[in-house]
Every structure is written in structure tokens, then in C-alpha cells.
Protein backbone atom coordinates (compact mmCIF):
# COMPACT_ATOMS: atom_id res chain seq x y z
CA MET A 1 0.00 0.00 0.00
CA THR A 2 1.76 3.14 -1.18
CA GLY A 3 0.94 6.33 -2.98
CA VAL A 4 -0.94 8.29 -0.34
CA THR A 5 0.44 11.25 1.57
CA THR A 6 0.64 11.63 5.30
CA LEU A 7 -1.88 13.91 6.98
CA SER A 8 -1.09 17.18 8.71
CA GLU A 9 -1.59 17.55 12.44
CA ALA A 10 -4.73 19.62 11.83
CA GLN A 11 -6.16 17.00 9.45
CA VAL A 12 -5.58 14.24 12.01
CA GLU A 13 -7.14 16.26 14.83
CA ARG A 14 -10.20 17.08 12.72
CA ALA A 15 -10.63 13.45 11.63
CA LEU A 16 -10.31 12.11 15.20
CA LYS A 17 -13.05 14.36 16.67
CA PRO A 18 -15.99 12.10 15.69
CA LEU A 19 -14.04 8.93 16.59
CA THR A 20 -14.80 8.56 20.30
CA GLY A 21 -11.89 7.18 22.31
CA TRP A 22 -9.34 7.30 19.50
CA ARG A 23 -6.26 9.41 20.14
CA ARG A 24 -3.00 10.18 18.45
CA GLU A 25 0.22 8.67 19.81
CA GLY A 26 3.11 9.78 17.63
CA ASP A 27 2.68 8.25 14.16
CA TYR A 28 -0.26 6.09 15.33
CA ILE A 29 -3.89 6.48 16.21
CA THR A 30 -4.86 4.20 19.06
CA LYS A 31 -7.82 3.07 21.10
CA GLU A 32 -8.21 0.75 24.08
CA PHE A 33 -11.24 -1.55 24.33
CA ARG A 34 -12.22 -3.36 27.54
CA PHE A 35 -14.33 -6.50 27.71
CA ARG A 36 -16.04 -8.51 30.44
CA THR A 37 -14.13 -11.67 29.54
CA PHE A 38 -10.98 -12.71 27.72
CA LEU A 39 -13.03 -14.59 25.12
CA ALA A 40 -15.17 -11.51 24.39
CA GLY A 41 -11.95 -9.61 23.66
CA ILE A 42 -10.75 -12.38 21.37
CA ARG A 43 -14.07 -12.36 19.49
CA PHE A 44 -13.56 -8.62 19.03
CA VAL A 45 -10.05 -9.23 17.66
CA ASP A 46 -11.54 -11.72 15.20
CA ALA A 47 -14.11 -9.13 14.07
CA VAL A 48 -11.37 -6.49 13.68
CA ALA A 49 -9.36 -8.94 11.58
CA LEU A 50 -12.27 -9.30 9.16
CA VAL A 51 -12.64 -5.52 8.84
CA ALA A 52 -8.88 -5.13 8.36
CA GLU A 53 -8.78 -7.77 5.63
CA ALA A 54 -11.67 -6.07 3.83
CA GLN A 55 -9.79 -2.74 4.03
CA GLU A 56 -6.44 -4.38 3.13
CA HIS A 57 -4.95 -2.38 6.00
CA HIS A 58 -4.06 -3.94 9.34
CA PRO A 59 -3.75 -2.54 12.86
CA ASP A 60 -1.25 -3.59 15.48
CA ILE A 61 -3.33 -5.53 18.01
CA HIS A 62 -2.27 -5.94 21.64
CA VAL A 63 -4.24 -8.26 23.93
CA VAL A 64 -3.77 -8.20 27.69
CA TRP A 65 -6.41 -10.34 29.39
CA THR A 66 -9.69 -8.38 28.90
CA THR A 67 -8.12 -5.31 27.26
CA VAL A 68 -7.49 -5.01 23.54
CA THR A 69 -5.51 -2.05 22.21
CA LEU A 70 -5.50 -1.18 18.53
CA LYS A 71 -2.75 0.94 17.00
CA ILE A 72 -3.01 2.05 13.40
CA THR A 73 -0.48 3.72 11.10
CA THR A 74 0.59 3.49 7.49
CA HIS A 75 4.06 2.00 7.89
CA ASP A 76 4.91 2.40 4.18
CA GLU A 77 4.28 6.16 4.38
CA GLY A 78 5.93 6.68 7.78
CA GLY A 79 2.92 8.26 9.43
CA LEU A 80 -0.82 8.75 9.49
CA THR A 81 -2.80 8.73 6.25
CA LYS A 82 -6.42 8.67 5.13
CA TRP A 83 -6.23 4.85 5.19
CA ASP A 84 -5.67 4.87 8.96
CA LEU A 85 -8.72 7.01 9.66
CA ASP A 86 -10.78 4.95 7.19
CA LEU A 87 -9.85 1.77 9.06
CA ALA A 88 -10.74 3.30 12.44
CA ARG A 89 -14.11 4.42 11.04
CA ALA A 90 -14.77 0.96 9.58
CA ILE A 91 -13.95 -0.69 12.90
CA GLU A 92 -16.28 1.70 14.74
CA LYS A 93 -19.05 1.12 12.18
CA ASP A 94 -18.64 -2.65 12.53
CA LEU A 95 -18.82 -2.35 16.34
CA ALA A 96 -21.98 -0.23 16.13
CA THR A 97 -23.58 -2.77 13.80
CA ALA A 98 -22.57 -5.67 16.05
CA LYS A 99 -24.12 -3.98 19.11
CA LYS A 100 -27.46 -3.69 17.29
CA LYS A 101 -27.59 -7.39 16.43
CA PRO A 102 -29.58 -9.54 18.85
CA ALA A 103 -27.52 -11.85 21.05
CA ARG A 104 -27.69 -15.54 20.18
């Protein structure tokens, strides 16, 4: 994945405003998710993997018991790009959709 330019500080700040809980950490955007159980967190990781594959852009995923932290950057471009914000939005949209589905 190459051919896209990195975003300015102002562009990143503006794009992060509607993304609740996401914050900038250097060349990454990151968010921490907490779950009631370890397996719920792992199911979330599985759902994120499907979104990432569909976007052809993959976050760094850190799992510590019931906490999952996602970190997103465009390594090939050496910073944050539109792709990173698009992935964060897609993950949030997928989470919102999953919350609306009835439990089985």
C-alpha cells in the first residue's frame, strides 16, 4: 500500500473528533477496548481482523487479558494517512452494527 500522503496535524485532529476514544500517539492512532471476559476480547479481535482484511490495512493488536488495544499507522508512508482514519471508522461502524444485532 503506497501512494498516499501523510496527513497534517490539523487534518488528524479534525478526523479524530468524531471517533470517540481514538487518540494520536506519535505516528499512530490508538484506542483501548475493555471487555467482560478474555473470550469476548478475542471475538472482538476476530471481528477487527475481518474488517482489516476487507480494508487491506491492518492494525497492530495488543491483547492483555480483557483489554485489547488497537494501533493504526501506514508503515509504508511513515505516518498517518487517510487509510488509517478509514480503518478506524470501519472498525467503529462494525462495532456499532454488532451492538445492534440480537444476542444468540
